[in-house]
Amino acid sequence: MKLKSALVGLSSAMVMMTSAAHAEKWDMPMAYSGSNFHSVTGAEFAKCVTTGTGGDIEIVTHPSGSLFKGADIKRAIQTGQAPIGERLLSGHQNENPVFGVDSLPFLASSFDDAAKLWKASKPTMESILDKQNLVLLYSVPWPPQGLYFKKEVNSVADMKGIKFRSYNNATARLAELTGMLPVTIEAAEISQAFATGVAESMVSSGATGYDRKVWESLTHFYEVDSWLPRNYIMVNKDVWGKTSEANQNVINACAQMAEYAGTWRAKEYTGFTLTGLRNGGMTVGPASDTLTSELKEIGATMTEEWLKAAGDDGKAIVDAFRAM
């Protein structure tokens, strides 16, 4: 009996040692604070994969741009510096115009329309990423984007000369068309940028403003619902190819749950964060009819410019979206 027990114990120990020897650690860089709902969703996804693979793959998230800055995350995944990560792909529209499809002003300004646009664009997006050595796992939208200022703004004319935080081609172009001055600022640097006067305005969701306590520097948030950009979780294609089919299935299942949970959080977080901005002392409400009308004209211009740049791929996506 003692020998049998010893053999069973030895066998179990060998299984555990073998499992540990084959275990992989995947560091997952993320650009936003650990309390942001995207980061929370990513942490849950990581835990799901770690548990679901029996520890074969341990995903460790690194929020707040602590491992790689937001602008560097996509490149890090492509080159294998990080096996997996999260990135706002509209920040890479210079690589391919299709990456900016989720940031076209007023094309899809509700969660329902954003879901339709995602459905229409996903196959093309996956194809582009595949050629860049990336596998798309899941994507989660931000709440509708609004405008932040440190003064009352009722028309585009009131925006002239304001230093505006830019994070992608769409925001930079919006600044140009409204007479504002674009300044590129990473998400992790927003609070400092406003506190020091490097920036005076931005277009973003209530979530970003709430997470960064922008009421300490800014005074107004206008609910213009211009677009709902998306964060994308991607894995290096070479790493994915070396992952067993069983573990790929686990990761894909966890990704589906994360996309559902993250989208639900985005919807729930919208009202919560706007209340938080008000409680912080900000004036929160819809933009004036004049400002809304002027912004929609600018949005139409930006969409036409994007369609010309994106060519057949862009037209096919927008046509499919509008047919839904």
Protein backbone atom coordinates (compact mmCIF):
# COMPACT_ATOMS: atom_id res chain seq x y z
CA MET A 1 0.00 0.00 0.00
CA LYS A 2 2.80 2.38 0.93
CA LEU A 3 4.58 1.60 -2.35
CA LYS A 4 1.34 2.12 -4.30
CA SER A 5 0.72 5.43 -2.57
CA ALA A 6 4.27 6.52 -3.24
CA LEU A 7 3.95 5.64 -6.93
CA VAL A 8 0.65 7.52 -7.22
CA GLY A 9 2.23 10.53 -5.52
CA LEU A 10 5.27 10.36 -7.78
CA SER A 11 3.07 10.08 -10.86
CA SER A 12 1.04 13.12 -9.83
CA ALA A 13 4.20 15.09 -9.15
CA MET A 14 5.58 14.16 -12.58
CA VAL A 15 2.35 15.29 -14.28
CA MET A 16 2.52 18.61 -12.45
CA MET A 17 6.20 19.04 -13.33
CA THR A 18 5.51 18.21 -16.97
CA SER A 19 2.64 20.69 -17.05
CA ALA A 20 4.82 23.37 -15.48
CA ALA A 21 7.59 22.66 -17.99
CA HIS A 22 5.22 23.23 -20.88
CA ALA A 23 3.48 26.26 -19.36
CA GLU A 24 3.83 29.51 -21.28
CA LYS A 25 3.58 33.03 -19.92
CA TRP A 26 1.98 35.54 -22.29
CA ASP A 27 2.53 39.15 -21.26
CA MET A 28 -0.38 41.27 -22.50
CA PRO A 29 0.29 45.03 -22.80
CA MET A 30 -2.73 47.34 -22.51
CA ALA A 31 -2.78 51.14 -22.84
CA TYR A 32 -5.46 52.11 -20.34
CA SER A 33 -5.61 52.24 -16.54
CA GLY A 34 -6.23 49.04 -14.63
CA SER A 35 -9.62 50.32 -13.48
CA ASN A 36 -10.82 51.05 -17.03
CA PHE A 37 -13.49 48.60 -18.20
CA HIS A 38 -11.35 47.49 -21.15
CA SER A 39 -8.53 46.56 -18.77
CA VAL A 40 -10.94 44.84 -16.39
CA THR A 41 -12.35 42.82 -19.29
CA GLY A 42 -8.83 41.97 -20.43
CA ALA A 43 -7.87 40.77 -16.95
CA GLU A 44 -10.94 38.51 -16.84
CA PHE A 45 -10.10 37.18 -20.31
CA ALA A 46 -6.55 36.43 -19.12
CA LYS A 47 -7.84 34.56 -16.09
CA CYS A 48 -10.29 32.60 -18.26
CA VAL A 49 -7.47 31.48 -20.57
CA THR A 50 -5.12 30.62 -17.70
CA THR A 51 -7.81 28.54 -16.01
CA GLY A 52 -9.25 27.04 -19.19
CA THR A 53 -5.88 25.82 -20.45
CA GLY A 54 -5.09 24.28 -17.07
CA GLY A 55 -2.17 26.65 -16.69
CA ASP A 56 -0.62 25.71 -20.05
CA ILE A 57 -0.88 29.38 -21.00
CA GLU A 58 -0.76 32.05 -18.32
CA ILE A 59 -1.74 35.49 -19.59
CA VAL A 60 -0.55 38.42 -17.45
CA THR A 61 -1.99 41.86 -18.27
CA HIS A 62 0.07 45.06 -18.04
CA PRO A 63 -2.31 48.08 -18.05
CA SER A 64 -1.55 51.84 -18.20
CA GLY A 65 1.05 51.44 -20.95
CA SER A 66 3.42 49.99 -18.34
CA LEU A 67 4.98 47.40 -20.68
CA PHE A 68 4.65 49.23 -24.01
CA LYS A 69 3.10 52.61 -24.72
CA GLY A 70 -0.20 52.47 -26.61
CA ALA A 71 1.31 53.48 -29.95
CA ASP A 72 3.97 50.73 -29.66
CA ILE A 73 1.72 47.81 -28.67
CA LYS A 74 0.66 46.70 -32.15
CA ARG A 75 4.23 46.64 -33.42
CA ALA A 76 5.34 44.73 -30.31
CA ILE A 77 2.79 41.99 -31.03
CA GLN A 78 3.67 41.82 -34.73
CA THR A 79 7.36 41.37 -34.03
CA GLY A 80 6.89 38.94 -31.15
CA GLN A 81 8.14 41.27 -28.43
CA ALA A 82 4.75 40.60 -26.83
CA PRO A 83 2.72 37.51 -27.76
CA ILE A 84 -0.62 39.24 -27.21
CA GLY A 85 -1.95 42.74 -26.57
CA GLU A 86 -4.71 45.30 -26.93
CA ARG A 87 -4.68 48.28 -29.27
CA LEU A 88 -6.95 50.99 -30.69
CA LEU A 89 -6.43 50.22 -34.38
CA SER A 90 -7.67 53.61 -35.56
CA GLY A 91 -4.32 54.85 -34.26
CA HIS A 92 -2.75 53.00 -37.22
CA GLN A 93 -4.87 54.39 -40.05
CA ASN A 94 -1.66 55.52 -41.75
CA GLU A 95 -0.88 51.81 -42.32
CA ASN A 96 -4.28 51.05 -43.81
CA PRO A 97 -7.30 53.39 -44.04
CA VAL A 98 -9.64 50.52 -43.05
CA PHE A 99 -8.27 50.72 -39.50
CA GLY A 100 -10.05 54.06 -39.18
CA VAL A 101 -13.52 52.79 -40.06
CA ASP A 102 -14.74 52.93 -36.45
CA SER A 103 -13.78 56.61 -36.10
CA LEU A 104 -15.79 58.19 -38.91
CA PRO A 105 -17.91 60.96 -37.34
CA PHE A 106 -21.62 60.17 -37.23
CA LEU A 107 -21.43 57.11 -39.50
CA ALA A 108 -22.23 54.82 -36.54
CA SER A 109 -23.05 56.83 -33.43
CA SER A 110 -25.01 54.28 -31.36
CA PHE A 111 -24.16 50.88 -29.92
CA ASP A 112 -26.54 49.16 -32.35
CA ASP A 113 -25.01 50.85 -35.37
CA ALA A 114 -21.50 50.27 -34.07
CA ALA A 115 -22.27 46.54 -33.83
CA LYS A 116 -23.48 46.55 -37.44
CA LEU A 117 -20.38 48.40 -38.62
CA TRP A 118 -18.20 45.89 -36.75
CA LYS A 119 -20.01 43.00 -38.44
CA ALA A 120 -19.54 44.64 -41.85
CA SER A 121 -15.85 45.42 -41.34
CA LYS A 122 -14.63 42.37 -39.37
CA PRO A 123 -13.79 40.06 -42.33
CA THR A 124 -11.71 42.76 -44.04
CA MET A 125 -10.04 43.70 -40.76
CA GLU A 126 -9.10 40.06 -40.07
CA SER A 127 -7.65 39.70 -43.56
CA ILE A 128 -5.48 42.83 -43.19
CA LEU A 129 -4.24 41.78 -39.76
CA ASP A 130 -3.45 38.26 -40.98
CA LYS A 131 -1.06 39.76 -43.55
CA GLN A 132 0.58 41.70 -40.71
CA ASN A 133 1.31 38.53 -38.71
CA LEU A 134 -1.63 39.13 -36.35
CA VAL A 135 -4.67 37.09 -35.33
CA LEU A 136 -7.69 39.01 -34.10
CA LEU A 137 -9.26 37.51 -30.97
CA TYR A 138 -11.97 39.97 -29.94
CA SER A 139 -12.98 43.62 -30.03
CA VAL A 140 -14.87 45.86 -27.61
CA PRO A 141 -16.33 49.33 -28.33
CA TRP A 142 -15.87 52.45 -26.28
CA PRO A 143 -18.97 54.41 -25.24
CA PRO A 144 -20.05 57.18 -27.66
CA GLN A 145 -17.45 59.93 -28.01
CA GLY A 146 -18.16 63.44 -26.77
CA LEU A 147 -16.23 66.71 -26.65
CA TYR A 148 -14.39 68.00 -23.58
CA PHE A 149 -13.47 71.65 -23.08
CA LYS A 150 -12.38 74.01 -20.34
CA LYS A 151 -14.91 76.61 -21.44
CA GLU A 152 -18.41 76.81 -22.92
CA VAL A 153 -18.45 76.05 -26.66
CA ASN A 154 -21.53 76.60 -28.82
CA SER A 155 -20.12 76.60 -32.36
CA VAL A 156 -17.08 75.53 -34.35
CA ALA A 157 -15.93 79.15 -34.30
CA ASP A 158 -15.57 78.87 -30.50
CA MET A 159 -13.09 76.00 -30.98
CA LYS A 160 -10.52 77.90 -33.02
CA GLY A 161 -7.02 77.86 -31.59
CA ILE A 162 -7.78 75.39 -28.77
CA LYS A 163 -5.06 72.79 -28.09
CA PHE A 164 -6.77 69.48 -28.82
CA ARG A 165 -5.63 66.01 -27.71
CA SER A 166 -5.22 63.80 -30.77
CA TYR A 167 -4.84 60.00 -30.74
CA ASN A 168 -5.44 58.97 -34.36
CA ASN A 169 -5.90 60.33 -37.89
CA ALA A 170 -9.58 61.06 -37.33
CA THR A 171 -9.00 63.21 -34.25
CA ALA A 172 -6.13 65.06 -35.93
CA ARG A 173 -8.28 65.77 -38.98
CA LEU A 174 -11.20 66.85 -36.80
CA ALA A 175 -8.89 69.35 -35.12
CA GLU A 176 -7.76 70.71 -38.48
CA LEU A 177 -11.29 71.11 -39.82
CA THR A 178 -12.46 72.93 -36.69
CA GLY A 179 -9.43 75.21 -36.41
CA MET A 180 -8.07 73.52 -33.27
CA LEU A 181 -4.42 72.61 -32.76
CA PRO A 182 -3.84 68.81 -32.59
CA VAL A 183 -1.41 67.52 -29.94
CA THR A 184 -0.64 63.79 -29.85
CA ILE A 185 -1.08 62.49 -26.29
CA GLU A 186 -1.20 58.88 -25.07
CA ALA A 187 -4.11 57.80 -22.85
CA ALA A 188 -1.84 57.33 -19.83
CA GLU A 189 -0.65 60.96 -20.15
CA ILE A 190 -4.06 62.67 -20.39
CA SER A 191 -4.32 63.93 -16.81
CA GLN A 192 -0.85 65.48 -16.86
CA ALA A 193 -1.43 67.04 -20.28
CA PHE A 194 -4.55 68.86 -19.11
CA ALA A 195 -3.07 69.82 -15.76
CA THR A 196 -0.04 71.41 -17.42
CA GLY A 197 -1.94 73.06 -20.28
CA VAL A 198 -0.35 70.95 -23.01
CA ALA A 199 -3.93 70.18 -24.09
CA GLU A 200 -7.22 71.98 -23.42
CA SER A 201 -9.74 69.74 -25.13
CA MET A 202 -10.36 66.25 -26.47
CA VAL A 203 -12.95 64.02 -28.06
CA SER A 204 -13.39 60.86 -26.01
CA SER A 205 -15.91 58.84 -24.05
CA GLY A 206 -17.20 59.63 -20.61
CA ALA A 207 -15.21 56.59 -19.48
CA THR A 208 -11.84 58.15 -20.31
CA GLY A 209 -12.73 61.42 -18.64
CA TYR A 210 -14.01 59.68 -15.54
CA ASP A 211 -11.00 57.37 -15.25
CA ARG A 212 -8.61 60.33 -15.56
CA LYS A 213 -10.64 62.73 -13.33
CA VAL A 214 -10.50 65.41 -16.00
CA TRP A 215 -12.88 67.62 -14.00
CA GLU A 216 -9.75 68.72 -12.17
CA SER A 217 -8.77 70.65 -15.32
CA LEU A 218 -11.80 70.76 -17.67
CA THR A 219 -15.31 72.16 -17.22
CA HIS A 220 -17.62 71.00 -20.04
CA PHE A 221 -18.54 67.69 -21.69
CA TYR A 222 -20.82 67.76 -24.73
CA GLU A 223 -22.65 64.53 -25.65
CA VAL A 224 -22.25 64.67 -29.43
CA ASP A 225 -22.04 60.85 -29.85
CA SER A 226 -19.68 61.26 -32.78
CA TRP A 227 -18.44 57.66 -33.03
CA LEU A 228 -17.68 54.54 -30.98
CA PRO A 229 -14.04 53.52 -31.54
CA ARG A 230 -13.01 49.97 -30.72
CA ASN A 231 -10.14 48.30 -28.89
CA TYR A 232 -8.83 45.11 -30.47
CA ILE A 233 -7.11 42.18 -28.76
CA MET A 234 -4.62 40.47 -31.05
CA VAL A 235 -2.12 37.64 -30.79
CA ASN A 236 1.09 37.15 -32.74
CA LYS A 237 0.35 34.79 -35.66
CA ASP A 238 3.52 32.71 -35.14
CA VAL A 239 2.69 32.23 -31.46
CA TRP A 240 -0.87 31.31 -32.40
CA GLY A 241 0.35 28.75 -34.91
CA LYS A 242 2.40 26.99 -32.22
CA THR A 243 -0.57 26.87 -29.84
CA SER A 244 -2.40 23.53 -29.67
CA GLU A 245 -5.84 23.29 -31.23
CA ALA A 246 -7.35 22.54 -27.81
CA ASN A 247 -5.85 25.70 -26.31
CA GLN A 248 -6.85 27.75 -29.36
CA ASN A 249 -10.42 26.61 -28.79
CA VAL A 250 -10.23 27.68 -25.13
CA ILE A 251 -8.80 31.09 -26.08
CA ASN A 252 -11.48 31.65 -28.72
CA ALA A 253 -14.23 30.73 -26.25
CA CYS A 254 -12.79 33.12 -23.66
CA ALA A 255 -12.53 35.81 -26.36
CA GLN A 256 -16.22 35.45 -27.25
CA MET A 257 -17.18 35.86 -23.61
CA ALA A 258 -14.85 38.85 -23.23
CA GLU A 259 -16.34 40.60 -26.27
CA TYR A 260 -19.84 40.11 -24.87
CA ALA A 261 -18.88 41.20 -21.34
CA GLY A 262 -16.86 44.18 -22.57
CA THR A 263 -19.68 45.43 -24.79
CA TRP A 264 -22.15 45.09 -21.92
CA ARG A 265 -19.77 47.04 -19.68
CA ALA A 266 -19.41 49.79 -22.31
CA LYS A 267 -23.17 50.25 -22.35
CA GLU A 268 -23.54 50.19 -18.58
CA TYR A 269 -20.51 52.40 -18.04
CA THR A 270 -21.88 55.17 -20.28
CA GLY A 271 -24.49 56.49 -17.86
CA PHE A 272 -22.34 55.81 -14.81
CA THR A 273 -19.38 57.82 -16.07
CA LEU A 274 -21.48 60.78 -17.21
CA THR A 275 -22.95 60.93 -13.71
CA GLY A 276 -19.40 60.76 -12.38
CA LEU A 277 -18.37 63.74 -14.52
CA ARG A 278 -21.34 65.73 -13.20
CA ASN A 279 -20.51 64.79 -9.64
CA GLY A 280 -16.97 65.98 -10.29
CA GLY A 281 -18.34 69.41 -11.11
CA MET A 282 -18.46 69.33 -14.92
CA THR A 283 -21.32 70.67 -17.02
CA VAL A 284 -22.60 67.64 -18.97
CA GLY A 285 -25.23 67.78 -21.70
CA PRO A 286 -25.97 67.81 -25.43
CA ALA A 287 -24.21 70.20 -27.78
CA SER A 288 -26.10 73.15 -29.24
CA ASP A 289 -28.01 72.66 -32.49
CA THR A 290 -25.50 74.91 -34.24
CA LEU A 291 -22.46 72.97 -33.07
CA THR A 292 -24.12 69.62 -33.82
CA SER A 293 -25.04 70.71 -37.35
CA GLU A 294 -21.54 72.03 -38.05
CA LEU A 295 -19.90 68.87 -36.71
CA LYS A 296 -22.11 66.66 -38.88
CA GLU A 297 -21.02 68.62 -41.95
CA ILE A 298 -17.40 68.03 -40.96
CA GLY A 299 -18.23 64.35 -40.40
CA ALA A 300 -19.61 64.05 -43.92
CA THR A 301 -16.40 65.58 -45.29
CA MET A 302 -14.24 63.16 -43.29
CA THR A 303 -16.28 60.15 -44.42
CA GLU A 304 -15.91 61.15 -48.08
CA GLU A 305 -12.16 61.60 -47.60
CA TRP A 306 -11.93 58.20 -45.94
CA LEU A 307 -13.90 56.47 -48.69
CA LYS A 308 -11.50 57.83 -51.30
CA ALA A 309 -8.49 56.64 -49.29
CA ALA A 310 -9.97 53.22 -48.41
CA GLY A 311 -11.00 52.45 -52.00
CA ASP A 312 -13.00 49.31 -52.78
CA ASP A 313 -12.54 47.84 -49.30
CA GLY A 314 -13.95 50.94 -47.68
CA LYS A 315 -16.87 51.20 -50.07
CA ALA A 316 -17.76 47.53 -49.58
CA ILE A 317 -17.77 47.95 -45.79
CA VAL A 318 -19.92 51.09 -45.79
CA ASP A 319 -22.31 49.65 -48.38
CA ALA A 320 -22.73 46.46 -46.32
CA PHE A 321 -23.25 48.51 -43.16
CA ARG A 322 -25.87 50.75 -44.71
CA ALA A 323 -27.71 47.75 -46.15
CA MET A 324 -28.22 46.23 -42.68
